[in-house]
Structure formats: C-alpha cells, structure tokens
Amino acid sequence: MFNKDRPIYLQISDRICDEILSGAYADDQRIPSVRDYATLMQVNINTVMKTYEELSRAGIIYQRRGMGYFVTAGAGSAIQRQRKDDFMHKTLAEMFRQMRLLDISIDEVVSAFRASEEGKQEG
C-alpha cells in the first residue's frame, strides 16, 4: 500500500490532498479525526498526527479546538497550483531528459496523449 521510498506521513498527505482535489472534502468541511484516519490507513495515530500538522503548516487544513480538522477555503486551488508548479519544473524536466535519451519526439508524446484521452472517453 505504501511506497518504501517516501515517508508514510507524506504519502497520507498526498492522499488527503487528492481527496480534496477530487471533491471528497469541500472548503470548510471537517475531515476524519486523526484516530479515524489512522484506522482507515492502518497506521499509527502519531503518523496521521504528523500528516495533519504538516497539512496545517501548509495552510491546507486548520484545526477548530474540540471540533477537529477542516479544509481551508481555497485549499484545492492551492494544492493544484503547487502540484502544477512541481509538474512543470520537476516532472517535465525529467520527461524531456528521457525523451532526448530515447529519441522520442514531441509529436509522439502528443499522439500518445490524444490516444489516452480518446480511451478515457470510450471507457
């Protein structure tokens, strides 16, 4: 379930961010308690607590004393901006390096992307 190359709390953070982006949690909506999420993910409560603290520091969630954690208004847009920036500066840079090494043209990539999009529409 978890990738051994990356800390579990960061993988859980990514999952929560994915859930926010997919609309599972809306702005100002309560997310599961630390205990509930730890049970769901089958991890130690301290791991989820570290995740929530990290997301809180990043401004993605906030805590209401005695009520739990909630999604910060605009969190989805903030996550999307950060991930887009990471993709444009890290993922694409690596992809372009691989394309040069493997002699893959941008036209081949565009064709593969279009085929992928067509496959999604059919399925």
N, C-alpha and C. Protein backbone atom coordinates (compact mmCIF):
# COMPACT_ATOMS: atom_id res chain seq x y z
N MET A 1 0.82 -1.20 0.00
CA MET A 1 0.00 0.00 0.00
C MET A 1 0.86 1.26 0.00
N PHE A 2 1.91 1.29 0.82
CA PHE A 2 2.78 2.45 0.89
C PHE A 2 4.08 2.18 0.17
N ASN A 3 4.62 3.24 -0.43
CA ASN A 3 5.91 3.19 -1.11
C ASN A 3 7.02 3.31 -0.06
N LYS A 4 7.97 2.41 -0.09
CA LYS A 4 9.03 2.40 0.91
C LYS A 4 10.04 3.54 0.72
N ASP A 5 10.01 4.18 -0.44
CA ASP A 5 10.98 5.23 -0.75
C ASP A 5 10.58 6.61 -0.23
N ARG A 6 9.42 6.72 0.37
CA ARG A 6 8.92 8.03 0.81
C ARG A 6 8.24 7.87 2.17
N PRO A 7 8.42 8.85 3.07
CA PRO A 7 7.79 8.74 4.38
C PRO A 7 6.27 8.56 4.28
N ILE A 8 5.73 7.70 5.12
CA ILE A 8 4.30 7.39 5.10
C ILE A 8 3.46 8.63 5.34
N TYR A 9 3.88 9.50 6.27
CA TYR A 9 3.06 10.68 6.56
C TYR A 9 2.92 11.58 5.33
N LEU A 10 3.93 11.62 4.46
CA LEU A 10 3.83 12.42 3.24
C LEU A 10 2.93 11.75 2.21
N GLN A 11 2.95 10.42 2.19
CA GLN A 11 2.06 9.69 1.29
C GLN A 11 0.60 9.89 1.71
N ILE A 12 0.35 9.91 3.00
CA ILE A 12 -1.00 10.16 3.50
C ILE A 12 -1.40 11.59 3.19
N SER A 13 -0.47 12.51 3.32
CA SER A 13 -0.72 13.91 2.98
C SER A 13 -1.15 14.03 1.52
N ASP A 14 -0.44 13.33 0.63
CA ASP A 14 -0.80 13.35 -0.79
C ASP A 14 -2.20 12.78 -1.00
N ARG A 15 -2.52 11.73 -0.27
CA ARG A 15 -3.85 11.12 -0.41
C ARG A 15 -4.95 12.10 0.01
N ILE A 16 -4.73 12.78 1.12
CA ILE A 16 -5.73 13.75 1.59
C ILE A 16 -5.86 14.88 0.57
N CYS A 17 -4.74 15.34 0.04
CA CYS A 17 -4.78 16.38 -0.99
C CYS A 17 -5.52 15.89 -2.23
N ASP A 18 -5.30 14.64 -2.61
CA ASP A 18 -6.03 14.05 -3.74
C ASP A 18 -7.53 14.05 -3.45
N GLU A 19 -7.89 13.71 -2.22
CA GLU A 19 -9.31 13.69 -1.84
C GLU A 19 -9.92 15.09 -1.89
N ILE A 20 -9.15 16.09 -1.49
CA ILE A 20 -9.62 17.47 -1.58
C ILE A 20 -9.81 17.85 -3.05
N LEU A 21 -8.83 17.53 -3.89
CA LEU A 21 -8.92 17.85 -5.32
C LEU A 21 -10.09 17.14 -6.00
N SER A 22 -10.38 15.92 -5.57
CA SER A 22 -11.47 15.16 -6.19
C SER A 22 -12.85 15.58 -5.69
N GLY A 23 -12.87 16.45 -4.67
CA GLY A 23 -14.15 16.93 -4.15
C GLY A 23 -14.69 16.11 -2.99
N ALA A 24 -13.92 15.15 -2.50
CA ALA A 24 -14.37 14.35 -1.36
C ALA A 24 -14.53 15.22 -0.12
N TYR A 25 -13.70 16.26 -0.02
CA TYR A 25 -13.79 17.23 1.09
C TYR A 25 -13.84 18.63 0.49
N ALA A 26 -14.86 19.37 0.83
CA ALA A 26 -15.03 20.74 0.33
C ALA A 26 -14.42 21.74 1.31
N ASP A 27 -14.33 22.98 0.87
CA ASP A 27 -13.85 24.05 1.75
C ASP A 27 -14.66 24.08 3.04
N ASP A 28 -13.97 24.22 4.14
CA ASP A 28 -14.55 24.31 5.48
C ASP A 28 -15.28 23.04 5.92
N GLN A 29 -15.10 21.95 5.21
CA GLN A 29 -15.68 20.66 5.62
C GLN A 29 -14.72 19.95 6.56
N ARG A 30 -15.28 19.29 7.55
CA ARG A 30 -14.48 18.52 8.51
C ARG A 30 -13.93 17.27 7.82
N ILE A 31 -12.67 16.98 8.10
CA ILE A 31 -12.07 15.74 7.61
C ILE A 31 -12.08 14.74 8.77
N PRO A 32 -11.85 13.46 8.47
CA PRO A 32 -11.88 12.47 9.56
C PRO A 32 -10.89 12.81 10.68
N SER A 33 -11.23 12.40 11.87
CA SER A 33 -10.34 12.63 13.01
C SER A 33 -9.03 11.88 12.80
N VAL A 34 -8.03 12.28 13.55
CA VAL A 34 -6.72 11.62 13.47
C VAL A 34 -6.89 10.12 13.72
N ARG A 35 -7.65 9.79 14.75
CA ARG A 35 -7.87 8.38 15.10
C ARG A 35 -8.58 7.64 13.97
N ASP A 36 -9.63 8.24 13.42
CA ASP A 36 -10.38 7.60 12.34
C ASP A 36 -9.51 7.39 11.10
N TYR A 37 -8.72 8.40 10.76
CA TYR A 37 -7.88 8.28 9.57
C TYR A 37 -6.77 7.25 9.80
N ALA A 38 -6.24 7.19 11.01
CA ALA A 38 -5.22 6.18 11.34
C ALA A 38 -5.80 4.77 11.18
N THR A 39 -7.03 4.59 11.62
CA THR A 39 -7.69 3.30 11.47
C THR A 39 -7.91 2.98 10.00
N LEU A 40 -8.39 3.96 9.26
CA LEU A 40 -8.63 3.78 7.83
C LEU A 40 -7.36 3.38 7.09
N MET A 41 -6.25 4.04 7.42
CA MET A 41 -4.99 3.80 6.73
C MET A 41 -4.16 2.68 7.37
N GLN A 42 -4.63 2.19 8.51
CA GLN A 42 -3.94 1.13 9.25
C GLN A 42 -2.51 1.53 9.60
N VAL A 43 -2.40 2.74 10.18
CA VAL A 43 -1.10 3.25 10.62
C VAL A 43 -1.24 3.77 12.05
N ASN A 44 -0.11 4.08 12.65
CA ASN A 44 -0.07 4.64 13.99
C ASN A 44 -0.70 6.03 14.02
N ILE A 45 -1.37 6.34 15.10
CA ILE A 45 -2.02 7.65 15.25
C ILE A 45 -1.00 8.78 15.10
N ASN A 46 0.22 8.57 15.61
CA ASN A 46 1.25 9.61 15.53
C ASN A 46 1.63 9.93 14.08
N THR A 47 1.54 8.94 13.21
CA THR A 47 1.84 9.16 11.79
C THR A 47 0.81 10.11 11.19
N VAL A 48 -0.46 9.87 11.47
CA VAL A 48 -1.52 10.74 10.95
C VAL A 48 -1.44 12.12 11.61
N MET A 49 -1.09 12.17 12.89
CA MET A 49 -0.94 13.45 13.56
C MET A 49 0.14 14.28 12.87
N LYS A 50 1.25 13.63 12.50
CA LYS A 50 2.32 14.32 11.78
C LYS A 50 1.82 14.83 10.42
N THR A 51 1.02 14.02 9.76
CA THR A 51 0.42 14.41 8.47
C THR A 51 -0.44 15.66 8.65
N TYR A 52 -1.33 15.64 9.64
CA TYR A 52 -2.23 16.76 9.87
C TYR A 52 -1.46 18.02 10.25
N GLU A 53 -0.40 17.87 11.03
CA GLU A 53 0.42 19.02 11.39
C GLU A 53 1.09 19.61 10.15
N GLU A 54 1.57 18.74 9.28
CA GLU A 54 2.20 19.19 8.03
C GLU A 54 1.19 19.92 7.14
N LEU A 55 0.00 19.34 6.98
CA LEU A 55 -1.03 19.98 6.16
C LEU A 55 -1.50 21.29 6.78
N SER A 56 -1.52 21.35 8.09
CA SER A 56 -1.89 22.57 8.79
C SER A 56 -0.84 23.67 8.55
N ARG A 57 0.43 23.31 8.66
CA ARG A 57 1.52 24.26 8.40
C ARG A 57 1.47 24.78 6.97
N ALA A 58 1.05 23.92 6.05
CA ALA A 58 0.97 24.29 4.64
C ALA A 58 -0.29 25.10 4.32
N GLY A 59 -1.18 25.23 5.31
CA GLY A 59 -2.41 26.01 5.09
C GLY A 59 -3.50 25.25 4.36
N ILE A 60 -3.38 23.93 4.28
CA ILE A 60 -4.37 23.11 3.58
C ILE A 60 -5.55 22.79 4.50
N ILE A 61 -5.26 22.54 5.77
CA ILE A 61 -6.32 22.28 6.76
C ILE A 61 -6.08 23.19 7.97
N TYR A 62 -7.10 23.32 8.78
CA TYR A 62 -6.97 24.08 10.02
C TYR A 62 -7.73 23.36 11.11
N GLN A 63 -7.36 23.65 12.35
CA GLN A 63 -7.99 22.97 13.48
C GLN A 63 -8.92 23.92 14.21
N ARG A 64 -10.09 23.40 14.57
CA ARG A 64 -11.01 24.09 15.48
C ARG A 64 -10.95 23.31 16.78
N ARG A 65 -10.53 23.97 17.83
CA ARG A 65 -10.40 23.31 19.14
C ARG A 65 -11.66 22.54 19.49
N GLY A 66 -11.44 21.27 19.81
CA GLY A 66 -12.54 20.43 20.25
C GLY A 66 -13.46 19.95 19.14
N MET A 67 -13.23 20.42 17.92
CA MET A 67 -14.11 20.04 16.81
C MET A 67 -13.41 19.24 15.72
N GLY A 68 -12.09 19.32 15.68
CA GLY A 68 -11.34 18.57 14.68
C GLY A 68 -10.69 19.44 13.64
N TYR A 69 -10.36 18.81 12.52
CA TYR A 69 -9.67 19.49 11.42
C TYR A 69 -10.62 19.71 10.25
N PHE A 70 -10.44 20.84 9.59
CA PHE A 70 -11.30 21.26 8.49
C PHE A 70 -10.44 21.70 7.31
N VAL A 71 -11.01 21.62 6.11
CA VAL A 71 -10.31 22.05 4.90
C VAL A 71 -10.34 23.57 4.82
N THR A 72 -9.19 24.16 4.62
CA THR A 72 -9.07 25.61 4.48
C THR A 72 -9.73 26.04 3.18
N ALA A 73 -10.45 27.15 3.21
CA ALA A 73 -11.06 27.69 1.99
C ALA A 73 -9.96 27.95 0.96
N GLY A 74 -10.18 27.48 -0.26
CA GLY A 74 -9.20 27.66 -1.33
C GLY A 74 -8.08 26.64 -1.34
N ALA A 75 -8.17 25.63 -0.47
CA ALA A 75 -7.12 24.61 -0.38
C ALA A 75 -6.94 23.87 -1.71
N GLY A 76 -8.04 23.55 -2.36
CA GLY A 76 -7.96 22.83 -3.63
C GLY A 76 -7.16 23.60 -4.67
N SER A 77 -7.41 24.89 -4.77
CA SER A 77 -6.67 25.73 -5.72
C SER A 77 -5.20 25.81 -5.35
N ALA A 78 -4.91 25.91 -4.05
CA ALA A 78 -3.52 25.98 -3.59
C ALA A 78 -2.78 24.68 -3.90
N ILE A 79 -3.44 23.55 -3.67
CA ILE A 79 -2.84 22.24 -3.97
C ILE A 79 -2.57 22.14 -5.47
N GLN A 80 -3.56 22.52 -6.25
CA GLN A 80 -3.42 22.44 -7.71
C GLN A 80 -2.27 23.32 -8.21
N ARG A 81 -2.15 24.54 -7.68
CA ARG A 81 -1.06 25.43 -8.08
C ARG A 81 0.30 24.82 -7.74
N GLN A 82 0.42 24.28 -6.52
CA GLN A 82 1.69 23.69 -6.10
C GLN A 82 2.04 22.47 -6.93
N ARG A 83 1.07 21.62 -7.17
CA ARG A 83 1.33 20.41 -7.95
C ARG A 83 1.64 20.75 -9.41
N LYS A 84 0.97 21.75 -9.94
CA LYS A 84 1.24 22.17 -11.31
C LYS A 84 2.67 22.71 -11.40
N ASP A 85 3.08 23.51 -10.43
CA ASP A 85 4.44 24.04 -10.40
C ASP A 85 5.46 22.91 -10.32
N ASP A 86 5.22 21.94 -9.43
CA ASP A 86 6.11 20.78 -9.31
C ASP A 86 6.19 20.01 -10.62
N PHE A 87 5.03 19.80 -11.24
CA PHE A 87 4.98 19.07 -12.50
C PHE A 87 5.77 19.80 -13.59
N MET A 88 5.53 21.09 -13.71
CA MET A 88 6.18 21.87 -14.77
C MET A 88 7.69 21.94 -14.58
N HIS A 89 8.15 22.04 -13.34
CA HIS A 89 9.58 22.24 -13.09
C HIS A 89 10.36 20.96 -12.78
N LYS A 90 9.70 19.94 -12.31
CA LYS A 90 10.41 18.71 -11.96
C LYS A 90 10.06 17.56 -12.90
N THR A 91 8.79 17.23 -12.99
CA THR A 91 8.37 16.07 -13.77
C THR A 91 8.67 16.27 -15.25
N LEU A 92 8.29 17.44 -15.78
CA LEU A 92 8.53 17.67 -17.20
C LEU A 92 10.02 17.73 -17.52
N ALA A 93 10.81 18.30 -16.63
CA ALA A 93 12.25 18.36 -16.86
C ALA A 93 12.81 16.94 -17.01
N GLU A 94 12.39 16.04 -16.14
CA GLU A 94 12.84 14.65 -16.22
C GLU A 94 12.28 13.98 -17.48
N MET A 95 11.02 14.26 -17.81
CA MET A 95 10.43 13.68 -19.00
C MET A 95 11.19 14.13 -20.26
N PHE A 96 11.51 15.41 -20.34
CA PHE A 96 12.25 15.92 -21.50
C PHE A 96 13.64 15.30 -21.59
N ARG A 97 14.28 15.08 -20.45
CA ARG A 97 15.59 14.44 -20.43
C ARG A 97 15.49 13.02 -21.01
N GLN A 98 14.46 12.30 -20.56
CA GLN A 98 14.24 10.93 -21.04
C GLN A 98 13.89 10.93 -22.54
N MET A 99 13.11 11.90 -22.97
CA MET A 99 12.76 11.98 -24.39
C MET A 99 14.01 12.16 -25.24
N ARG A 100 14.93 13.00 -24.79
CA ARG A 100 16.19 13.21 -25.53
C ARG A 100 17.00 11.91 -25.56
N LEU A 101 17.10 11.23 -24.41
CA LEU A 101 17.87 10.00 -24.35
C LEU A 101 17.28 8.90 -25.24
N LEU A 102 15.95 8.83 -25.30
CA LEU A 102 15.27 7.76 -26.03
C LEU A 102 14.85 8.17 -27.44
N ASP A 103 15.20 9.40 -27.81
CA ASP A 103 14.85 9.94 -29.13
C ASP A 103 13.35 9.86 -29.39
N ILE A 104 12.58 10.36 -28.43
CA ILE A 104 11.12 10.43 -28.56
C ILE A 104 10.77 11.87 -28.92
N SER A 105 10.01 12.04 -29.99
CA SER A 105 9.63 13.38 -30.43
C SER A 105 8.41 13.87 -29.67
N ILE A 106 8.23 15.17 -29.67
CA ILE A 106 7.06 15.75 -29.03
C ILE A 106 5.79 15.29 -29.75
N ASP A 107 5.88 15.07 -31.06
CA ASP A 107 4.73 14.59 -31.82
C ASP A 107 4.29 13.20 -31.34
N GLU A 108 5.25 12.36 -30.98
CA GLU A 108 4.91 11.03 -30.45
C GLU A 108 4.21 11.15 -29.10
N VAL A 109 4.67 12.07 -28.30
CA VAL A 109 4.06 12.30 -26.98
C VAL A 109 2.64 12.83 -27.15
N VAL A 110 2.46 13.78 -28.05
CA VAL A 110 1.13 14.34 -28.29
C VAL A 110 0.18 13.26 -28.79
N SER A 111 0.66 12.42 -29.69
CA SER A 111 -0.18 11.31 -30.20
C SER A 111 -0.58 10.36 -29.08
N ALA A 112 0.38 10.03 -28.23
CA ALA A 112 0.09 9.13 -27.10
C ALA A 112 -0.91 9.78 -26.15
N PHE A 113 -0.77 11.08 -25.92
CA PHE A 113 -1.70 11.80 -25.05
C PHE A 113 -3.10 11.78 -25.64
N ARG A 114 -3.22 12.08 -26.91
CA ARG A 114 -4.54 12.08 -27.58
C ARG A 114 -5.18 10.70 -27.54
N ALA A 115 -4.39 9.66 -27.76
CA ALA A 115 -4.91 8.29 -27.70
C ALA A 115 -5.41 7.98 -26.29
N SER A 116 -4.68 8.44 -25.31
CA SER A 116 -5.08 8.23 -23.91
C SER A 116 -6.40 8.94 -23.62
N GLU A 117 -6.54 10.16 -24.10
CA GLU A 117 -7.78 10.93 -23.90
C GLU A 117 -8.96 10.26 -24.59
N GLU A 118 -8.74 9.75 -25.80
CA GLU A 118 -9.80 9.05 -26.53
C GLU A 118 -10.22 7.78 -25.80
N GLY A 119 -9.25 7.08 -25.23
CA GLY A 119 -9.54 5.87 -24.46
C GLY A 119 -10.38 6.17 -23.23
N LYS A 120 -10.13 7.31 -22.60
CA LYS A 120 -10.93 7.70 -21.43
C LYS A 120 -12.37 7.97 -21.81
N GLN A 121 -12.57 8.61 -22.96
CA GLN A 121 -13.92 8.97 -23.40
C GLN A 121 -14.72 7.73 -23.77
N GLU A 122 -14.05 6.71 -24.31
CA GLU A 122 -14.73 5.48 -24.69
C GLU A 122 -15.07 4.62 -23.50
N GLY A 123 -14.21 4.67 -22.46
CA GLY A 123 -14.37 3.79 -21.30
C GLY A 123 -15.22 4.42 -20.30
